[in-house]
Amino acid sequence: MAPRKYDNATLAGLMTLCRGYCYWPGCTSRVITVVNGVPKLNAEIAHIRAINPGGKRFDSKWSVSERNSFKNLLLLCVPHHTTIDGASSADYPVELLEEWKASREGESVEALDGLTGLT
């Protein structure tokens, strides 16, 4: 199994460009919620193309590094993550998830060009 490994720049980019919400269009689930005064992560990193063979939308042409890269990742709330990877995953092809990513991130993604290796 390929490791799920994301550098800090990738995580920072996802958190910044999600604009505070799950990438699912129209979802009002915030990626950070406050519980008893403490901020808690309320989202999961979802792969557009699965990290491992047999996973949803796996593409063997993509390297492990590419499958773990910013361009292949979304932040989704738990219900939406389990939906895109669940029994009806065929309803959520790569092209649709890439549209969601582009729509959520907009032109702001250009601000991240060349950003790597943050610690």
Protein backbone atom coordinates (compact mmCIF):
# COMPACT_ATOMS: atom_id res chain seq x y z
CA MET A 1 0.00 0.00 0.00
CA ALA A 2 1.23 3.45 -0.88
CA PRO A 3 1.67 5.83 2.05
CA ARG A 4 -0.56 8.85 2.43
CA LYS A 5 2.00 11.60 2.76
CA TYR A 6 1.27 15.31 2.39
CA ASP A 7 3.77 18.08 2.91
CA ASN A 8 2.89 21.13 4.99
CA ALA A 9 2.56 23.31 1.89
CA THR A 10 -0.10 20.98 0.48
CA LEU A 11 -2.05 21.00 3.74
CA ALA A 12 -1.76 24.78 4.04
CA GLY A 13 -2.91 25.20 0.44
CA LEU A 14 -5.97 23.00 0.94
CA MET A 15 -6.93 24.75 4.17
CA THR A 16 -6.49 28.19 2.62
CA LEU A 17 -8.22 27.58 -0.69
CA CYS A 18 -11.19 25.63 0.66
CA ARG A 19 -12.33 29.01 2.00
CA GLY A 20 -13.42 27.37 5.23
CA TYR A 21 -15.84 24.82 3.78
CA CYS A 22 -16.08 21.30 2.39
CA TYR A 23 -15.38 21.26 -1.37
CA TRP A 24 -18.77 19.63 -2.13
CA PRO A 25 -20.76 22.34 -3.98
CA GLY A 26 -23.21 24.05 -1.65
CA CYS A 27 -22.04 22.22 1.48
CA THR A 28 -22.14 24.46 4.54
CA SER A 29 -19.97 22.15 6.67
CA ARG A 30 -16.99 24.08 7.97
CA VAL A 31 -13.58 22.38 7.85
CA ILE A 32 -12.83 23.70 11.34
CA THR A 33 -15.41 23.69 14.10
CA VAL A 34 -15.12 24.81 17.71
CA VAL A 35 -16.00 22.31 20.44
CA ASN A 36 -15.93 23.57 24.02
CA GLY A 37 -13.82 26.52 22.92
CA VAL A 38 -11.24 24.35 21.13
CA PRO A 39 -10.88 24.35 17.32
CA LYS A 40 -11.27 20.86 15.82
CA LEU A 41 -10.69 19.59 12.31
CA ASN A 42 -14.06 18.76 10.74
CA ALA A 43 -12.93 17.50 7.33
CA GLU A 44 -10.94 14.72 5.70
CA ILE A 45 -8.43 14.76 2.87
CA ALA A 46 -10.02 13.02 -0.11
CA HIS A 47 -8.18 11.77 -3.19
CA ILE A 48 -9.65 12.54 -6.59
CA ARG A 49 -7.69 9.55 -7.92
CA ALA A 50 -7.25 6.82 -5.29
CA ILE A 51 -3.85 6.42 -3.67
CA ASN A 52 -3.89 2.61 -4.04
CA PRO A 53 -4.91 0.13 -6.74
CA GLY A 54 -8.49 -0.98 -6.25
CA GLY A 55 -9.45 2.38 -4.77
CA LYS A 56 -12.06 4.65 -6.27
CA ARG A 57 -10.93 6.35 -9.47
CA PHE A 58 -7.41 4.83 -9.26
CA ASP A 59 -5.19 5.79 -12.22
CA SER A 60 -2.00 3.75 -12.64
CA LYS A 61 -0.54 6.48 -14.88
CA TRP A 62 -0.21 8.72 -11.84
CA SER A 63 2.77 8.15 -9.54
CA VAL A 64 2.33 7.86 -5.76
CA SER A 65 3.76 11.36 -5.46
CA GLU A 66 1.22 12.72 -7.96
CA ARG A 67 -1.64 10.91 -6.23
CA ASN A 68 -0.59 12.56 -2.93
CA SER A 69 -0.13 15.98 -4.55
CA PHE A 70 -2.20 19.10 -4.05
CA LYS A 71 -3.77 18.83 -7.50
CA ASN A 72 -5.30 15.43 -6.60
CA LEU A 73 -6.71 16.35 -3.18
CA LEU A 74 -9.89 17.90 -1.77
CA LEU A 75 -11.12 18.61 1.74
CA LEU A 76 -14.50 17.03 2.35
CA CYS A 77 -16.71 16.64 5.40
CA VAL A 78 -17.07 13.03 6.51
CA PRO A 79 -20.53 12.43 4.96
CA HIS A 80 -19.40 13.76 1.58
CA HIS A 81 -16.08 11.89 1.66
CA THR A 82 -17.86 8.60 2.37
CA THR A 83 -20.38 9.42 -0.39
CA ILE A 84 -17.81 9.94 -3.16
CA ASP A 85 -15.95 6.79 -2.14
CA GLY A 86 -19.04 4.71 -1.31
CA ALA A 87 -21.45 2.53 -3.24
CA SER A 88 -22.40 5.36 -5.62
CA SER A 89 -18.80 6.41 -6.36
CA ALA A 90 -19.42 6.01 -10.11
CA ASP A 91 -21.57 9.13 -9.83
CA TYR A 92 -18.41 11.08 -8.91
CA PRO A 93 -15.87 10.68 -11.74
CA VAL A 94 -12.48 12.38 -11.80
CA GLU A 95 -13.74 15.14 -14.10
CA LEU A 96 -16.55 16.10 -11.71
CA LEU A 97 -14.26 16.19 -8.68
CA GLU A 98 -11.73 18.27 -10.61
CA GLU A 99 -14.55 20.71 -11.44
CA TRP A 100 -15.40 20.98 -7.72
CA LYS A 101 -11.75 21.63 -6.92
CA ALA A 102 -11.39 24.31 -9.59
CA SER A 103 -14.66 25.95 -8.58
CA ARG A 104 -13.77 26.10 -4.86
CA GLU A 105 -10.19 27.26 -5.35
CA GLY A 106 -10.86 29.64 -8.23
CA GLU A 107 -8.06 31.86 -9.39
CA SER A 108 -6.63 31.91 -5.86
CA VAL A 109 -4.67 28.75 -6.63
CA GLU A 110 -2.22 30.85 -8.67
CA ALA A 111 -0.98 32.37 -5.40
CA LEU A 112 0.42 28.94 -4.47
CA ASP A 113 2.55 28.45 -7.59
CA GLY A 114 6.01 27.26 -6.55
CA LEU A 115 5.07 26.82 -2.89
CA THR A 116 6.80 23.70 -1.51
CA GLY A 117 8.57 22.38 1.54
CA LEU A 118 6.99 24.52 4.25
CA THR A 119 7.72 23.32 7.77
